[in-house]
C-alpha atoms as a PDB file:
ATOM      1  CA  MET A   1      27.009 -20.416   1.094  1.00  0.00           C
ATOM      2  CA  ASP A   2      24.697 -21.809  -1.592  1.00  0.00           C
ATOM      3  CA  SER A   3      22.796 -23.879   0.927  1.00  0.00           C
ATOM      4  CA  ALA A   4      23.446 -21.699   3.957  1.00  0.00           C
ATOM      5  CA  THR A   5      20.479 -20.445   5.938  1.00  0.00           C
ATOM      6  CA  SER A   6      20.234 -17.886   8.685  1.00  0.00           C
ATOM      7  CA  ASP A   7      19.533 -18.730  12.290  1.00  0.00           C
ATOM      8  CA  THR A   8      15.785 -19.284  12.316  1.00  0.00           C
ATOM      9  CA  SER A   9      15.492 -19.925  16.049  1.00  0.00           C
ATOM     10  CA  ARG A  10      14.111 -16.437  16.503  1.00  0.00           C
ATOM     11  CA  SER A  11      11.188 -17.392  14.238  1.00  0.00           C
ATOM     12  CA  SER A  12       9.654 -19.240  17.196  1.00  0.00           C
ATOM     13  CA  ASP A  13       9.807 -16.114  19.332  1.00  0.00           C
ATOM     14  CA  PRO A  14       6.211 -14.903  19.935  1.00  0.00           C
ATOM     15  CA  ALA A  15       7.328 -11.322  19.365  1.00  0.00           C
ATOM     16  CA  VAL A  16       8.553 -12.264  15.895  1.00  0.00           C
ATOM     17  CA  ARG A  17       5.201 -13.874  15.061  1.00  0.00           C
ATOM     18  CA  THR A  18       3.105 -10.919  16.269  1.00  0.00           C
ATOM     19  CA  PRO A  19       0.579  -9.943  13.578  1.00  0.00           C
ATOM     20  CA  LEU A  20       1.096  -6.736  11.653  1.00  0.00           C
ATOM     21  CA  SER A  21      -0.117  -3.716  13.619  1.00  0.00           C
ATOM     22  CA  SER A  22      -3.475  -2.307  12.565  1.00  0.00           C
ATOM     23  CA  THR A  23      -1.857   1.147  12.483  1.00  0.00           C
ATOM     24  CA  ALA A  24       0.531   0.175   9.653  1.00  0.00           C
ATOM     25  CA  ASP A  25      -0.503   2.152   6.583  1.00  0.00           C
ATOM     26  CA  ASN A  26       2.751   2.689   4.687  1.00  0.00           C
ATOM     27  CA  GLY A  27       4.091  -0.429   2.936  1.00  0.00           C
ATOM     28  CA  LEU A  28       7.301  -0.199   0.918  1.00  0.00           C
ATOM     29  CA  LYS A  29       8.032  -3.001  -1.554  1.00  0.00           C
ATOM     30  CA  ILE A  30      11.595  -4.077  -2.329  1.00  0.00           C
ATOM     31  CA  VAL A  31      12.615  -6.919  -4.651  1.00  0.00           C
ATOM     32  CA  ILE A  32      15.827  -8.939  -4.356  1.00  0.00           C
ATOM     33  CA  VAL A  33      16.913 -10.333  -7.721  1.00  0.00           C
ATOM     34  CA  GLY A  34      19.922 -12.022  -9.237  1.00  0.00           C
ATOM     35  CA  GLY A  35      21.120 -15.209 -10.846  1.00  0.00           C
ATOM     36  CA  PHE A  36      20.571 -18.778  -9.754  1.00  0.00           C
ATOM     37  CA  GLY A  37      21.968 -19.542  -6.286  1.00  0.00           C
ATOM     38  CA  VAL A  38      23.328 -16.060  -5.476  1.00  0.00           C
ATOM     39  CA  GLY A  39      21.721 -15.934  -2.003  1.00  0.00           C
ATOM     40  CA  LYS A  40      18.342 -14.248  -2.477  1.00  0.00           C
ATOM     41  CA  THR A  41      16.425 -16.694  -0.272  1.00  0.00           C
ATOM     42  CA  THR A  42      19.199 -16.547   2.310  1.00  0.00           C
ATOM     43  CA  MET A  43      19.033 -12.745   2.465  1.00  0.00           C
ATOM     44  CA  VAL A  44      15.266 -12.697   2.942  1.00  0.00           C
ATOM     45  CA  ARG A  45      15.585 -15.299   5.708  1.00  0.00           C
ATOM     46  CA  SER A  46      18.392 -13.506   7.488  1.00  0.00           C
ATOM     47  CA  VAL A  47      16.797 -10.068   7.653  1.00  0.00           C
ATOM     48  CA  SER A  48      13.042 -10.737   7.912  1.00  0.00           C
ATOM     49  CA  ASP A  49      11.295 -10.008  11.221  1.00  0.00           C
ATOM     50  CA  ILE A  50       8.795 -12.780  10.564  1.00  0.00           C
ATOM     51  CA  ARG A  51       9.126 -16.394   9.543  1.00  0.00           C
ATOM     52  CA  PRO A  52       9.598 -15.858   5.800  1.00  0.00           C
ATOM     53  CA  LEU A  53       7.364 -17.417   3.215  1.00  0.00           C
ATOM     54  CA  ASN A  54       9.383 -19.381   0.714  1.00  0.00           C
ATOM     55  CA  THR A  55       8.603 -21.664  -2.185  1.00  0.00           C
ATOM     56  CA  GLU A  56      11.715 -23.805  -2.172  1.00  0.00           C
ATOM     57  CA  GLU A  57      11.504 -27.272  -3.671  1.00  0.00           C
ATOM     58  CA  THR A  58      14.057 -30.061  -3.685  1.00  0.00           C
ATOM     59  CA  MET A  59      16.179 -30.123  -6.812  1.00  0.00           C
ATOM     60  CA  THR A  60      16.008 -33.359  -8.778  1.00  0.00           C
ATOM     61  CA  GLN A  61      17.982 -34.989 -11.551  1.00  0.00           C
ATOM     62  CA  ALA A  62      15.276 -33.892 -14.007  1.00  0.00           C
ATOM     63  CA  GLY A  63      16.312 -30.269 -13.569  1.00  0.00           C
ATOM     64  CA  ARG A  64      19.995 -30.816 -14.238  1.00  0.00           C
ATOM     65  CA  GLY A  65      19.496 -30.624 -17.971  1.00  0.00           C
ATOM     66  CA  VAL A  66      17.497 -27.397 -17.612  1.00  0.00           C
ATOM     67  CA  ASP A  67      19.240 -25.331 -14.919  1.00  0.00           C
ATOM     68  CA  ASP A  68      22.881 -24.300 -15.163  1.00  0.00           C
ATOM     69  CA  LEU A  69      24.497 -25.615 -11.972  1.00  0.00           C
ATOM     70  CA  THR A  70      27.944 -24.184 -12.670  1.00  0.00           C
ATOM     71  CA  GLY A  71      29.353 -22.986  -9.363  1.00  0.00           C
ATOM     72  CA  VAL A  72      26.316 -24.194  -7.365  1.00  0.00           C
ATOM     73  CA  THR A  73      26.691 -27.963  -7.561  1.00  0.00           C
ATOM     74  CA  GLY A  74      26.094 -28.248  -3.797  1.00  0.00           C
ATOM     75  CA  LYS A  75      22.680 -26.597  -4.007  1.00  0.00           C
ATOM     76  CA  LYS A  76      19.884 -28.970  -2.907  1.00  0.00           C
ATOM     77  CA  ALA A  77      16.762 -26.767  -3.092  1.00  0.00           C
ATOM     78  CA  THR A  78      15.594 -23.928  -5.295  1.00  0.00           C
ATOM     79  CA  THR A  79      12.930 -21.211  -5.288  1.00  0.00           C
ATOM     80  CA  VAL A  80      10.135 -21.909  -7.782  1.00  0.00           C
ATOM     81  CA  ALA A  81       7.980 -18.800  -7.228  1.00  0.00           C
ATOM     82  CA  PHE A  82       9.243 -16.164  -4.782  1.00  0.00           C
ATOM     83  CA  ASP A  83      10.316 -15.564  -1.185  1.00  0.00           C
ATOM     84  CA  PHE A  84       8.537 -13.084   1.062  1.00  0.00           C
ATOM     85  CA  GLY A  85       9.675 -11.395   4.261  1.00  0.00           C
ATOM     86  CA  ARG A  86       8.767  -8.322   6.283  1.00  0.00           C
ATOM     87  CA  ILE A  87      10.559  -5.723   8.360  1.00  0.00           C
ATOM     88  CA  THR A  88       8.503  -3.464  10.634  1.00  0.00           C
ATOM     89  CA  LEU A  89      10.217  -0.093  10.860  1.00  0.00           C
ATOM     90  CA  ASN A  90       7.692   1.582  13.144  1.00  0.00           C
ATOM     91  CA  GLU A  91       3.970   1.511  13.917  1.00  0.00           C
ATOM     92  CA  ARG A  92       3.073   2.863  10.494  1.00  0.00           C
ATOM     93  CA  THR A  93       5.860   1.818   8.114  1.00  0.00           C
ATOM     94  CA  VAL A  94       6.596  -1.699   6.919  1.00  0.00           C
ATOM     95  CA  LEU A  95       9.172  -2.930   4.431  1.00  0.00           C
ATOM     96  CA  TYR A  96       8.024  -5.880   2.292  1.00  0.00           C
ATOM     97  CA  LEU A  97      10.788  -8.029   0.789  1.00  0.00           C
ATOM     98  CA  PHE A  98      10.295 -10.221  -2.269  1.00  0.00           C
ATOM     99  CA  GLY A  99      13.013 -12.623  -3.386  1.00  0.00           C
ATOM    100  CA  ALA A 100      12.744 -13.480  -7.094  1.00  0.00           C
ATOM    101  CA  PRO A 101      13.503 -16.951  -8.497  1.00  0.00           C
ATOM    102  CA  GLY A 102      16.894 -17.146 -10.183  1.00  0.00           C
ATOM    103  CA  GLN A 103      16.496 -19.840 -12.829  1.00  0.00           C
ATOM    104  CA  GLU A 104      16.006 -18.664 -16.390  1.00  0.00           C
ATOM    105  CA  ARG A 105      12.809 -20.720 -16.759  1.00  0.00           C
ATOM    106  CA  PHE A 106      11.164 -18.600 -14.015  1.00  0.00           C
ATOM    107  CA  TRP A 107      12.259 -15.192 -15.276  1.00  0.00           C
ATOM    108  CA  PHE A 108       8.790 -14.561 -16.696  1.00  0.00           C
ATOM    109  CA  LEU A 109       7.663 -13.957 -13.087  1.00  0.00           C
ATOM    110  CA  TRP A 110      10.007 -11.022 -12.625  1.00  0.00           C
ATOM    111  CA  ASP A 111       7.960  -8.435 -14.511  1.00  0.00           C
ATOM    112  CA  ARG A 112       5.010  -9.128 -12.200  1.00  0.00           C
ATOM    113  CA  LEU A 113       7.202  -8.891  -9.102  1.00  0.00           C
ATOM    114  CA  PHE A 114       8.585  -5.548 -10.274  1.00  0.00           C
ATOM    115  CA  SER A 115       5.084  -4.028 -10.371  1.00  0.00           C
ATOM    116  CA  GLY A 116       4.773  -1.410  -7.628  1.00  0.00           C
ATOM    117  CA  THR A 117       8.358  -1.922  -6.495  1.00  0.00           C
ATOM    118  CA  LEU A 118      10.101   0.929  -4.709  1.00  0.00           C
ATOM    119  CA  GLY A 119      13.578  -0.347  -5.588  1.00  0.00           C
ATOM    120  CA  ALA A 120      15.635  -3.494  -5.986  1.00  0.00           C
ATOM    121  CA  VAL A 121      18.778  -5.209  -4.793  1.00  0.00           C
ATOM    122  CA  VAL A 122      20.739  -7.126  -7.433  1.00  0.00           C
ATOM    123  CA  LEU A 123      22.796  -9.830  -5.723  1.00  0.00           C
ATOM    124  CA  VAL A 124      25.843 -10.956  -7.670  1.00  0.00           C
ATOM    125  CA  ASP A 125      28.327 -13.792  -7.378  1.00  0.00           C
ATOM    126  CA  THR A 126      31.702 -12.891  -8.911  1.00  0.00           C
ATOM    127  CA  ARG A 127      32.153 -16.500  -9.993  1.00  0.00           C
ATOM    128  CA  ARG A 128      29.149 -16.048 -12.311  1.00  0.00           C
ATOM    129  CA  LEU A 129      28.796 -12.341 -13.066  1.00  0.00           C
ATOM    130  CA  ALA A 130      27.072 -12.966 -16.398  1.00  0.00           C
ATOM    131  CA  ASP A 131      24.077 -14.410 -14.506  1.00  0.00           C
ATOM    132  CA  SER A 132      23.279 -10.884 -13.286  1.00  0.00           C
ATOM    133  CA  TRP A 133      22.979  -9.214 -16.666  1.00  0.00           C
ATOM    134  CA  TYR A 134      19.346 -10.121 -17.238  1.00  0.00           C
ATOM    135  CA  ALA A 135      18.270  -8.788 -13.828  1.00  0.00           C
ATOM    136  CA  ILE A 136      19.967  -5.451 -14.478  1.00  0.00           C
ATOM    137  CA  ASP A 137      18.521  -5.287 -17.994  1.00  0.00           C
ATOM    138  CA  ARG A 138      14.948  -5.847 -16.779  1.00  0.00           C
ATOM    139  CA  LEU A 139      15.252  -3.319 -13.952  1.00  0.00           C
ATOM    140  CA  GLU A 140      16.582  -0.702 -16.356  1.00  0.00           C
ATOM    141  CA  HIS A 141      13.768  -1.564 -18.775  1.00  0.00           C
ATOM    142  CA  HIS A 142      11.178  -0.924 -16.056  1.00  0.00           C
ATOM    143  CA  GLY A 143      12.959   2.179 -14.786  1.00  0.00           C
ATOM    144  CA  THR A 144      13.266   0.608 -11.334  1.00  0.00           C
ATOM    145  CA  PRO A 145      16.077   2.051  -9.174  1.00  0.00           C
ATOM    146  CA  PHE A 146      18.515  -0.539  -7.858  1.00  0.00           C
ATOM    147  CA  ILE A 147      21.823  -1.152  -6.159  1.00  0.00           C
ATOM    148  CA  VAL A 148      24.236  -4.049  -6.671  1.00  0.00           C
ATOM    149  CA  ALA A 149      25.497  -6.141  -3.754  1.00  0.00           C
ATOM    150  CA  ARG A 150      28.358  -8.587  -4.178  1.00  0.00           C
ATOM    151  CA  ASN A 151      27.562 -11.606  -2.014  1.00  0.00           C
ATOM    152  CA  ASP A 152      30.780 -13.043  -0.591  1.00  0.00           C
ATOM    153  CA  PHE A 153      31.168 -16.620  -1.804  1.00  0.00           C
ATOM    154  CA  GLY A 154      34.949 -16.500  -1.543  1.00  0.00           C
ATOM    155  CA  GLY A 155      35.244 -16.281  -5.318  1.00  0.00           C
ATOM    156  CA  PRO A 156      37.596 -14.116  -7.423  1.00  0.00           C
ATOM    157  CA  ARG A 157      38.449 -10.833  -5.701  1.00  0.00           C
ATOM    158  CA  TYR A 158      37.695  -8.402  -8.464  1.00  0.00           C
ATOM    159  CA  THR A 159      38.019  -4.699  -7.791  1.00  0.00           C
ATOM    160  CA  PRO A 160      34.840  -2.589  -7.741  1.00  0.00           C
ATOM    161  CA  GLU A 161      35.933  -1.031 -11.014  1.00  0.00           C
ATOM    162  CA  GLU A 162      36.300  -4.453 -12.641  1.00  0.00           C
ATOM    163  CA  ILE A 163      32.841  -5.492 -11.449  1.00  0.00           C
ATOM    164  CA  ARG A 164      31.331  -2.228 -12.694  1.00  0.00           C
ATOM    165  CA  ASP A 165      32.935  -2.730 -16.089  1.00  0.00           C
ATOM    166  CA  ALA A 166      31.785  -6.359 -16.303  1.00  0.00           C
ATOM    167  CA  LEU A 167      28.188  -5.389 -15.452  1.00  0.00           C
ATOM    168  CA  ASP A 168      28.296  -2.099 -17.389  1.00  0.00           C
ATOM    169  CA  LEU A 169      26.976  -0.229 -14.336  1.00  0.00           C
ATOM    170  CA  ASP A 170      26.298   3.480 -14.408  1.00  0.00           C
ATOM    171  CA  GLU A 171      28.447   5.473 -12.012  1.00  0.00           C
ATOM    172  CA  GLU A 172      25.469   6.474  -9.853  1.00  0.00           C
ATOM    173  CA  VAL A 173      24.472   2.854  -9.136  1.00  0.00           C
ATOM    174  CA  PRO A 174      25.869   1.900  -5.696  1.00  0.00           C
ATOM    175  CA  LEU A 175      28.024  -1.243  -5.541  1.00  0.00           C
ATOM    176  CA  ILE A 176      28.574  -2.739  -2.087  1.00  0.00           C
ATOM    177  CA  GLU A 177      29.872  -5.902  -0.430  1.00  0.00           C
ATOM    178  CA  CYS A 178      27.655  -8.142   1.672  1.00  0.00           C
ATOM    179  CA  ASP A 179      27.208 -11.520   3.326  1.00  0.00           C
ATOM    180  CA  ALA A 180      23.585 -12.580   2.819  1.00  0.00           C
ATOM    181  CA  ARG A 181      23.811 -14.959   5.797  1.00  0.00           C
ATOM    182  CA  SER A 182      24.318 -12.050   8.177  1.00  0.00           C
ATOM    183  CA  ARG A 183      21.310 -10.083   9.403  1.00  0.00           C
ATOM    184  CA  GLU A 184      23.419  -6.991  10.016  1.00  0.00           C
ATOM    185  CA  SER A 185      25.069  -7.186   6.606  1.00  0.00           C
ATOM    186  CA  SER A 186      21.704  -7.660   4.892  1.00  0.00           C
ATOM    187  CA  LYS A 187      20.308  -4.669   6.803  1.00  0.00           C
ATOM    188  CA  GLU A 188      23.204  -2.568   5.549  1.00  0.00           C
ATOM    189  CA  VAL A 189      22.271  -3.543   1.992  1.00  0.00           C
ATOM    190  CA  LEU A 190      18.707  -2.341   2.529  1.00  0.00           C
ATOM    191  CA  ILE A 191      19.953   0.862   4.135  1.00  0.00           C
ATOM    192  CA  ALA A 192      22.164   1.502   1.103  1.00  0.00           C
ATOM    193  CA  LEU A 193      19.197   0.981  -1.212  1.00  0.00           C
ATOM    194  CA  VAL A 194      16.936   3.330   0.766  1.00  0.00           C
ATOM    195  CA  ARG A 195      19.623   6.026   0.846  1.00  0.00           C
ATOM    196  CA  HIS A 196      20.066   5.650  -2.908  1.00  0.00           C
ATOM    197  CA  LEU A 197      16.308   6.096  -3.384  1.00  0.00           C
ATOM    198  CA  GLN A 198      16.348   9.178  -1.162  1.00  0.00           C
ATOM    199  CA  GLN A 199      19.133  10.707  -3.244  1.00  0.00           C
ATOM    200  CA  LEU A 200      17.243  10.004  -6.462  1.00  0.00           C
ATOM    201  CA  ALA A 201      14.040  11.482  -5.032  1.00  0.00           C
ATOM    202  CA  ALA A 202      15.865  14.605  -3.842  1.00  0.00           C
ATOM    203  CA  ALA A 203      17.481  15.141  -7.245  1.00  0.00           C
ATOM    204  CA  ALA A 204      14.329  14.555  -9.295  1.00  0.00           C
ATOM    205  CA  PRO A 205      12.074  17.465 -10.275  1.00  0.00           C
ATOM    206  CA  ALA A 206       8.666  17.515  -8.607  1.00  0.00           C
ATOM    207  CA  PRO A 207       6.252  15.436 -10.713  1.00  0.00           C
ATOM    208  CA  ALA A 208       3.258  17.178 -12.234  1.00  0.00           C
ATOM    209  CA  ALA A 209       1.019  14.288 -11.164  1.00  0.00           C
ATOM    210  CA  PRO A 210       1.348  11.551  -8.542  1.00  0.00           C
ATOM    211  CA  VAL A 211       3.763   8.822  -9.646  1.00  0.00           C
ATOM    212  CA  THR A 212       3.838   5.538  -7.750  1.00  0.00           C
ATOM    213  CA  ALA A 213       7.624   5.144  -7.638  1.00  0.00           C
ATOM    214  CA  GLY A 214       8.219   8.825  -6.880  1.00  0.00           C
ATOM    215  CA  THR A 215       5.588   8.905  -4.157  1.00  0.00           C
ATOM    216  CA  ALA A 216       7.022   5.771  -2.578  1.00  0.00           C
ATOM    217  CA  ALA A 217      10.560   7.132  -2.801  1.00  0.00           C
ATOM    218  CA  GLY A 218       9.452  10.263  -0.984  1.00  0.00           C
ATOM    219  CA  SER A 219       8.103   8.130   1.841  1.00  0.00           C
ATOM    220  CA  THR A 220      11.569   6.705   2.537  1.00  0.00           C
ATOM    221  CA  ALA A 221      12.674   9.830   4.392  1.00  0.00           C
ATOM    222  CA  GLY A 222      12.681   8.072   7.760  1.00  0.00           C
ATOM    223  CA  THR A 223      13.394   4.541   6.580  1.00  0.00           C
ATOM    224  CA  ALA A 224      17.187   4.658   6.596  1.00  0.00           C
ATOM    225  CA  ALA A 225      17.176   6.136  10.075  1.00  0.00           C
ATOM    226  CA  ALA A 226      14.936   3.329  11.298  1.00  0.00           C
ATOM    227  CA  LEU A 227      17.090   0.459  10.029  1.00  0.00           C
ATOM    228  CA  PRO A 228      20.690   0.995  11.230  1.00  0.00           C
ATOM    229  CA  HIS A 229      20.492   0.856  14.994  1.00  0.00           C
ATOM    230  CA  GLY A 230      19.899  -2.549  16.546  1.00  0.00           C
ATOM    231  CA  GLU A 231      17.025  -4.848  15.737  1.00  0.00           C
ATOM    232  CA  THR A 232      13.911  -3.481  14.107  1.00  0.00           C
ATOM    233  CA  SER A 233      10.680  -3.591  16.032  1.00  0.00           C
END
């Protein structure tokens, strides 16, 4: 799966390349993070309505002494900045997806990507669970809500409880299974994140002053309903 990509034939469809509607005035930002080669670029590609922007570059021998290729020896390209995709939910609401680079040498970009983020998806590979610790640590540091999605690489079949223990996840953090190559599976991940944000927003006391994350979370009321059924507009 390391080098797998989604079917991009639909990217040539004129409907897919239609510019963003002028009536869109509610943009929700979501970041997909995780270790090196866990499927972040693949997820953005599989679920985006538009041809995604990516900054993949061919991996060379020079990087082998810098990047840990354990478990991803078949990987030929890597993200050096970020991936970007978009899902139009309706005429006014758009979901913006940002895929963060996974290599340790690019982690300094993450704090900037987290700015203004509604929530995050942490993709994990059970063959390399330790690679996800930094992503979870930074999200908790920023107070950014997140869910964890185990991308199916056919690795060790740990139980959810074992994965939670290994990642030291709080009980309220959702942990789900996914296949980043599948559009439907990737949509289910986003639905799970939006529902988690709705639950957090409903449980939180009303803020005394406008708060970016809280305001954005409140605007997700119709997002989960817009994603599940068929293709998005």
